[in-house]
C-alpha cells in the first residue's frame, strides 16, 4: 500500500492536524476501505488512527519533504 493522500475535510477531532504538511501515507484500510489510517509524510510520528476515506483525496504530485 503506497497511496499518498491529502485531507480535504478536517473534523471529528482531526482539527489539530490542520497545521501539518497535508500529505499523508495510507498505512491501513479498514471497513472495506471506508476508513483509513494515515501517517504524515513530513513527520512520521504524527498518525491519524482512523478517518473516513471520503475525507481524503489522492495527491497528484508528491512534494519532496526532506
PDB file of N, CA and C in Angstrom:
ATOM      1  N   UNK A   1       0.855  -1.172   0.000  1.00  0.00           N
ATOM      2  CA  UNK A   1       0.000   0.000   0.000  1.00  0.00           C
ATOM      3  C   UNK A   1       0.902   1.236   0.000  1.00  0.00           C
ATOM      4  N   UNK A   2       0.807   1.993  -1.049  1.00  0.00           N
ATOM      5  CA  UNK A   2       1.704   3.139  -1.180  1.00  0.00           C
ATOM      6  C   UNK A   2       0.941   4.355  -1.682  1.00  0.00           C
ATOM      7  N   UNK A   3      -0.249   4.561  -1.147  1.00  0.00           N
ATOM      8  CA  UNK A   3      -1.084   5.671  -1.582  1.00  0.00           C
ATOM      9  C   UNK A   3      -0.805   6.909  -0.737  1.00  0.00           C
ATOM     10  N   UNK A   4      -0.621   8.036  -1.416  1.00  0.00           N
ATOM     11  CA  UNK A   4      -0.402   9.309  -0.747  1.00  0.00           C
ATOM     12  C   UNK A   4      -1.652  10.162  -0.983  1.00  0.00           C
ATOM     13  N   UNK A   5      -2.192  10.708   0.100  1.00  0.00           N
ATOM     14  CA  UNK A   5      -3.426  11.489   0.018  1.00  0.00           C
ATOM     15  C   UNK A   5      -3.256  12.804   0.769  1.00  0.00           C
ATOM     16  N   UNK A   6      -4.211  13.700   0.557  1.00  0.00           N
ATOM     17  CA  UNK A   6      -4.326  14.900   1.364  1.00  0.00           C
ATOM     18  C   UNK A   6      -5.702  14.875   2.004  1.00  0.00           C
ATOM     19  N   UNK A   7      -5.831  15.501   3.139  1.00  0.00           N
ATOM     20  CA  UNK A   7      -7.111  15.564   3.827  1.00  0.00           C
ATOM     21  C   UNK A   7      -7.857  16.780   3.305  1.00  0.00           C
ATOM     22  N   UNK A   8      -9.120  16.578   2.904  1.00  0.00           N
ATOM     23  CA  UNK A   8      -9.928  17.690   2.394  1.00  0.00           C
ATOM     24  C   UNK A   8     -10.989  18.122   3.405  1.00  0.00           C
ATOM     25  N   UNK A   9     -11.298  17.275   4.384  1.00  0.00           N
ATOM     26  CA  UNK A   9     -12.257  17.618   5.440  1.00  0.00           C
ATOM     27  C   UNK A   9     -11.626  17.306   6.786  1.00  0.00           C
ATOM     28  N   UNK A  10     -11.330  18.352   7.543  1.00  0.00           N
ATOM     29  CA  UNK A  10     -10.777  18.195   8.886  1.00  0.00           C
ATOM     30  C   UNK A  10     -11.916  18.359   9.891  1.00  0.00           C
ATOM     31  N   UNK A  11     -12.371  17.269  10.473  1.00  0.00           N
ATOM     32  CA  UNK A  11     -13.365  17.322  11.544  1.00  0.00           C
ATOM     33  C   UNK A  11     -13.212  16.055  12.386  1.00  0.00           C
ATOM     34  N   UNK A  12     -14.194  15.728  13.167  1.00  0.00           N
ATOM     35  CA  UNK A  12     -14.149  14.524  14.006  1.00  0.00           C
ATOM     36  C   UNK A  12     -12.907  14.469  14.888  1.00  0.00           C
ATOM     37  N   UNK A  13     -12.484  15.636  15.400  1.00  0.00           N
ATOM     38  CA  UNK A  13     -11.328  15.649  16.280  1.00  0.00           C
ATOM     39  C   UNK A  13      -9.996  15.690  15.556  1.00  0.00           C
ATOM     40  N   UNK A  14     -10.018  15.789  14.230  1.00  0.00           N
ATOM     41  CA  UNK A  14      -8.777  15.847  13.465  1.00  0.00           C
ATOM     42  C   UNK A  14      -8.359  17.279  13.144  1.00  0.00           C
ATOM     43  N   UNK A  15      -9.050  18.257  13.746  1.00  0.00           N
ATOM     44  CA  UNK A  15      -8.720  19.668  13.539  1.00  0.00           C
ATOM     45  C   UNK A  15      -7.276  19.986  13.916  1.00  0.00           C
ATOM     46  N   UNK A  16      -6.747  19.266  14.892  1.00  0.00           N
ATOM     47  CA  UNK A  16      -5.392  19.541  15.375  1.00  0.00           C
ATOM     48  C   UNK A  16      -4.327  19.294  14.306  1.00  0.00           C
ATOM     49  N   UNK A  17      -4.680  18.592  13.236  1.00  0.00           N
ATOM     50  CA  UNK A  17      -3.703  18.268  12.202  1.00  0.00           C
ATOM     51  C   UNK A  17      -3.728  19.245  11.033  1.00  0.00           C
ATOM     52  N   UNK A  18      -4.558  20.285  11.110  1.00  0.00           N
ATOM     53  CA  UNK A  18      -4.677  21.258  10.022  1.00  0.00           C
ATOM     54  C   UNK A  18      -3.360  21.965   9.711  1.00  0.00           C
ATOM     55  N   UNK A  19      -2.528  22.162  10.727  1.00  0.00           N
ATOM     56  CA  UNK A  19      -1.275  22.893  10.532  1.00  0.00           C
ATOM     57  C   UNK A  19      -0.121  22.005  10.068  1.00  0.00           C
ATOM     58  N   UNK A  20      -0.365  20.719   9.972  1.00  0.00           N
ATOM     59  CA  UNK A  20       0.673  19.791   9.499  1.00  0.00           C
ATOM     60  C   UNK A  20       0.770  19.867   7.975  1.00  0.00           C
ATOM     61  N   UNK A  21       1.908  19.449   7.439  1.00  0.00           N
ATOM     62  CA  UNK A  21       2.028  19.302   5.998  1.00  0.00           C
ATOM     63  C   UNK A  21       0.931  18.331   5.564  1.00  0.00           C
ATOM     64  N   UNK A  22       0.114  18.731   4.600  1.00  0.00           N
ATOM     65  CA  UNK A  22      -1.064  17.949   4.235  1.00  0.00           C
ATOM     66  C   UNK A  22      -0.750  16.907   3.168  1.00  0.00           C
ATOM     67  N   UNK A  23       0.178  16.029   3.495  1.00  0.00           N
ATOM     68  CA  UNK A  23       0.467  14.856   2.676  1.00  0.00           C
ATOM     69  C   UNK A  23       0.596  13.687   3.627  1.00  0.00           C
ATOM     70  N   UNK A  24      -0.209  12.659   3.371  1.00  0.00           N
ATOM     71  CA  UNK A  24      -0.341  11.532   4.280  1.00  0.00           C
ATOM     72  C   UNK A  24      -0.238  10.224   3.512  1.00  0.00           C
ATOM     73  N   UNK A  25       0.420   9.260   4.121  1.00  0.00           N
ATOM     74  CA  UNK A  25       0.509   7.923   3.544  1.00  0.00           C
ATOM     75  C   UNK A  25      -0.560   7.054   4.198  1.00  0.00           C
ATOM     76  N   UNK A  26      -1.344   6.363   3.382  1.00  0.00           N
ATOM     77  CA  UNK A  26      -2.313   5.413   3.925  1.00  0.00           C
ATOM     78  C   UNK A  26      -1.540   4.185   4.393  1.00  0.00           C
ATOM     79  N   UNK A  27      -1.626   3.904   5.686  1.00  0.00           N
ATOM     80  CA  UNK A  27      -0.884   2.781   6.256  1.00  0.00           C
ATOM     81  C   UNK A  27      -1.784   1.589   6.574  1.00  0.00           C
ATOM     82  N   UNK A  28      -3.097   1.818   6.520  1.00  0.00           N
ATOM     83  CA  UNK A  28      -4.037   0.731   6.810  1.00  0.00           C
ATOM     84  C   UNK A  28      -5.408   1.129   6.284  1.00  0.00           C
ATOM     85  N   UNK A  29      -6.123   0.153   5.711  1.00  0.00           N
ATOM     86  CA  UNK A  29      -7.501   0.365   5.288  1.00  0.00           C
ATOM     87  C   UNK A  29      -8.401  -0.506   6.151  1.00  0.00           C
ATOM     88  N   UNK A  30      -9.540   0.054   6.570  1.00  0.00           N
ATOM     89  CA  UNK A  30     -10.474  -0.673   7.424  1.00  0.00           C
ATOM     90  C   UNK A  30     -11.882  -0.556   6.845  1.00  0.00           C
ATOM     91  N   UNK A  31     -12.755  -1.458   7.233  1.00  0.00           N
ATOM     92  CA  UNK A  31     -14.157  -1.430   6.805  1.00  0.00           C
ATOM     93  C   UNK A  31     -14.260  -1.342   5.283  1.00  0.00           C
ATOM     94  N   UNK A  32     -13.575  -2.253   4.603  1.00  0.00           N
ATOM     95  CA  UNK A  32     -13.574  -2.303   3.127  1.00  0.00           C
ATOM     96  C   UNK A  32     -13.143  -0.991   2.495  1.00  0.00           C
ATOM     97  N   UNK A  33     -12.202  -0.310   3.121  1.00  0.00           N
ATOM     98  CA  UNK A  33     -11.669   0.945   2.583  1.00  0.00           C
ATOM     99  C   UNK A  33     -12.463   2.170   2.978  1.00  0.00           C
ATOM    100  N   UNK A  34     -13.521   2.002   3.770  1.00  0.00           N
ATOM    101  CA  UNK A  34     -14.331   3.136   4.200  1.00  0.00           C
ATOM    102  C   UNK A  34     -13.626   4.037   5.193  1.00  0.00           C
ATOM    103  N   UNK A  35     -12.693   3.463   5.940  1.00  0.00           N
ATOM    104  CA  UNK A  35     -11.869   4.223   6.892  1.00  0.00           C
ATOM    105  C   UNK A  35     -10.414   3.893   6.600  1.00  0.00           C
ATOM    106  N   UNK A  36      -9.543   4.859   6.879  1.00  0.00           N
ATOM    107  CA  UNK A  36      -8.112   4.644   6.665  1.00  0.00           C
ATOM    108  C   UNK A  36      -7.315   5.161   7.855  1.00  0.00           C
ATOM    109  N   UNK A  37      -6.151   4.602   8.029  1.00  0.00           N
ATOM    110  CA  UNK A  37      -5.168   5.086   8.994  1.00  0.00           C
ATOM    111  C   UNK A  37      -4.111   5.829   8.188  1.00  0.00           C
ATOM    112  N   UNK A  38      -3.699   7.005   8.671  1.00  0.00           N
ATOM    113  CA  UNK A  38      -2.752   7.835   7.940  1.00  0.00           C
ATOM    114  C   UNK A  38      -1.524   8.151   8.768  1.00  0.00           C
ATOM    115  N   UNK A  39      -0.383   8.246   8.102  1.00  0.00           N
ATOM    116  CA  UNK A  39       0.848   8.711   8.716  1.00  0.00           C
ATOM    117  C   UNK A  39       1.332   9.914   7.915  1.00  0.00           C
ATOM    118  N   UNK A  40       1.683  10.982   8.608  1.00  0.00           N
ATOM    119  CA  UNK A  40       2.125  12.199   7.951  1.00  0.00           C
ATOM    120  C   UNK A  40       3.445  11.963   7.233  1.00  0.00           C
ATOM    121  N   UNK A  41       3.570  12.493   6.024  1.00  0.00           N
ATOM    122  CA  UNK A  41       4.775  12.284   5.225  1.00  0.00           C
ATOM    123  C   UNK A  41       5.968  13.087   5.728  1.00  0.00           C
ATOM    124  N   UNK A  42       5.726  14.216   6.346  1.00  0.00           N
ATOM    125  CA  UNK A  42       6.822  15.059   6.853  1.00  0.00           C
ATOM    126  C   UNK A  42       7.296  14.581   8.222  1.00  0.00           C
ATOM    127  N   UNK A  43       6.349  14.291   9.106  1.00  0.00           N
ATOM    128  CA  UNK A  43       6.669  13.861  10.465  1.00  0.00           C
ATOM    129  C   UNK A  43       6.017  12.501  10.708  1.00  0.00           C
ATOM    130  N   UNK A  44       6.798  11.455  10.552  1.00  0.00           N
ATOM    131  CA  UNK A  44       6.277  10.074  10.644  1.00  0.00           C
ATOM    132  C   UNK A  44       5.707   9.741  12.019  1.00  0.00           C
ATOM    133  N   UNK A  45       5.972  10.573  13.019  1.00  0.00           N
ATOM    134  CA  UNK A  45       5.427  10.338  14.358  1.00  0.00           C
ATOM    135  C   UNK A  45       3.968  10.771  14.459  1.00  0.00           C
ATOM    136  N   UNK A  46       3.491  11.555  13.483  1.00  0.00           N
ATOM    137  CA  UNK A  46       2.112  12.020  13.505  1.00  0.00           C
ATOM    138  C   UNK A  46       1.251  11.016  12.748  1.00  0.00           C
ATOM    139  N   UNK A  47       0.288  10.451  13.451  1.00  0.00           N
ATOM    140  CA  UNK A  47      -0.556   9.418  12.880  1.00  0.00           C
ATOM    141  C   UNK A  47      -2.019   9.717  13.207  1.00  0.00           C
ATOM    142  N   UNK A  48      -2.882   9.517  12.233  1.00  0.00           N
ATOM    143  CA  UNK A  48      -4.329   9.569  12.440  1.00  0.00           C
ATOM    144  C   UNK A  48      -4.802   8.125  12.388  1.00  0.00           C
ATOM    145  N   UNK A  49      -5.312   7.642  13.506  1.00  0.00           N
ATOM    146  CA  UNK A  49      -5.676   6.229  13.603  1.00  0.00           C
ATOM    147  C   UNK A  49      -6.885   5.851  12.764  1.00  0.00           C
ATOM    148  N   UNK A  50      -7.798   6.789  12.554  1.00  0.00           N
ATOM    149  CA  UNK A  50      -8.993   6.474  11.771  1.00  0.00           C
ATOM    150  C   UNK A  50      -9.640   7.753  11.256  1.00  0.00           C
ATOM    151  N   UNK A  51      -9.836   7.797   9.942  1.00  0.00           N
ATOM    152  CA  UNK A  51     -10.546   8.898   9.298  1.00  0.00           C
ATOM    153  C   UNK A  51     -11.303   8.296   8.118  1.00  0.00           C
ATOM    154  N   UNK A  52     -12.488   8.816   7.840  1.00  0.00           N
ATOM    155  CA  UNK A  52     -13.268   8.329   6.702  1.00  0.00           C
ATOM    156  C   UNK A  52     -12.502   8.598   5.409  1.00  0.00           C
ATOM    157  N   UNK A  53     -12.452   7.600   4.551  1.00  0.00           N
ATOM    158  CA  UNK A  53     -11.695   7.714   3.305  1.00  0.00           C
ATOM    159  C   UNK A  53     -12.210   8.837   2.418  1.00  0.00           C
ATOM    160  N   UNK A  54     -13.522   9.124   2.464  1.00  0.00           N
ATOM    161  CA  UNK A  54     -14.078  10.169   1.599  1.00  0.00           C
ATOM    162  C   UNK A  54     -13.571  11.560   1.994  1.00  0.00           C
ATOM    163  N   UNK A  55     -12.975  11.698   3.171  1.00  0.00           N
ATOM    164  CA  UNK A  55     -12.432  12.983   3.614  1.00  0.00           C
ATOM    165  C   UNK A  55     -11.012  13.217   3.090  1.00  0.00           C
ATOM    166  N   UNK A  56     -10.542  12.304   2.266  1.00  0.00           N
ATOM    167  CA  UNK A  56      -9.208  12.420   1.676  1.00  0.00           C
ATOM    168  C   UNK A  56      -9.323  12.351   0.158  1.00  0.00           C
ATOM    169  N   UNK A  57      -8.251  12.792  -0.511  1.00  0.00           N
ATOM    170  CA  UNK A  57      -8.174  12.588  -1.959  1.00  0.00           C
ATOM    171  C   UNK A  57      -6.729  12.319  -2.320  1.00  0.00           C
ATOM    172  N   UNK A  58      -6.556  11.546  -3.367  1.00  0.00           N
ATOM    173  CA  UNK A  58      -5.227  11.165  -3.824  1.00  0.00           C
ATOM    174  C   UNK A  58      -4.442  12.399  -4.248  1.00  0.00           C
ATOM    175  N   UNK A  59      -3.191  12.443  -3.858  1.00  0.00           N
ATOM    176  CA  UNK A  59      -2.303  13.553  -4.227  1.00  0.00           C
ATOM    177  C   UNK A  59      -1.731  13.256  -5.601  1.00  0.00           C
ATOM    178  N   UNK A  60      -1.862  14.212  -6.510  1.00  0.00           N
ATOM    179  CA  UNK A  60      -1.344  14.003  -7.875  1.00  0.00           C
ATOM    180  C   UNK A  60       0.160  14.259  -7.951  1.00  0.00           C
ATOM    181  N   UNK A  61       0.660  15.179  -7.113  1.00  0.00           N
ATOM    182  CA  UNK A  61       2.080  15.491  -7.088  1.00  0.00           C
ATOM    183  C   UNK A  61       2.583  15.418  -5.660  1.00  0.00           C
ATOM    184  N   UNK A  62       3.526  14.524  -5.428  1.00  0.00           N
ATOM    185  CA  UNK A  62       4.112  14.396  -4.107  1.00  0.00           C
ATOM    186  C   UNK A  62       5.319  15.324  -4.039  1.00  0.00           C
ATOM    187  N   UNK A  63       5.293  16.249  -3.087  1.00  0.00           N
ATOM    188  CA  UNK A  63       6.384  17.204  -2.944  1.00  0.00           C
ATOM    189  C   UNK A  63       7.488  16.603  -2.098  1.00  0.00           C
ATOM    190  N   UNK A  64       8.701  16.942  -2.408  1.00  0.00           N
ATOM    191  CA  UNK A  64       9.843  16.499  -1.610  1.00  0.00           C
ATOM    192  C   UNK A  64       9.762  17.179  -0.252  1.00  0.00           C
ATOM    193  N   UNK A  65       9.707  16.403   0.802  1.00  0.00           N
ATOM    194  CA  UNK A  65       9.516  16.956   2.133  1.00  0.00           C
ATOM    195  C   UNK A  65      10.768  16.823   3.015  1.00  0.00           C
ATOM    196  N   UNK A  66      11.855  16.442   2.431  1.00  0.00           N
ATOM    197  CA  UNK A  66      13.099  16.264   3.208  1.00  0.00           C
ATOM    198  C   UNK A  66      13.702  17.594   3.551  1.00  0.00           C
TER     199      UNK A  66
END
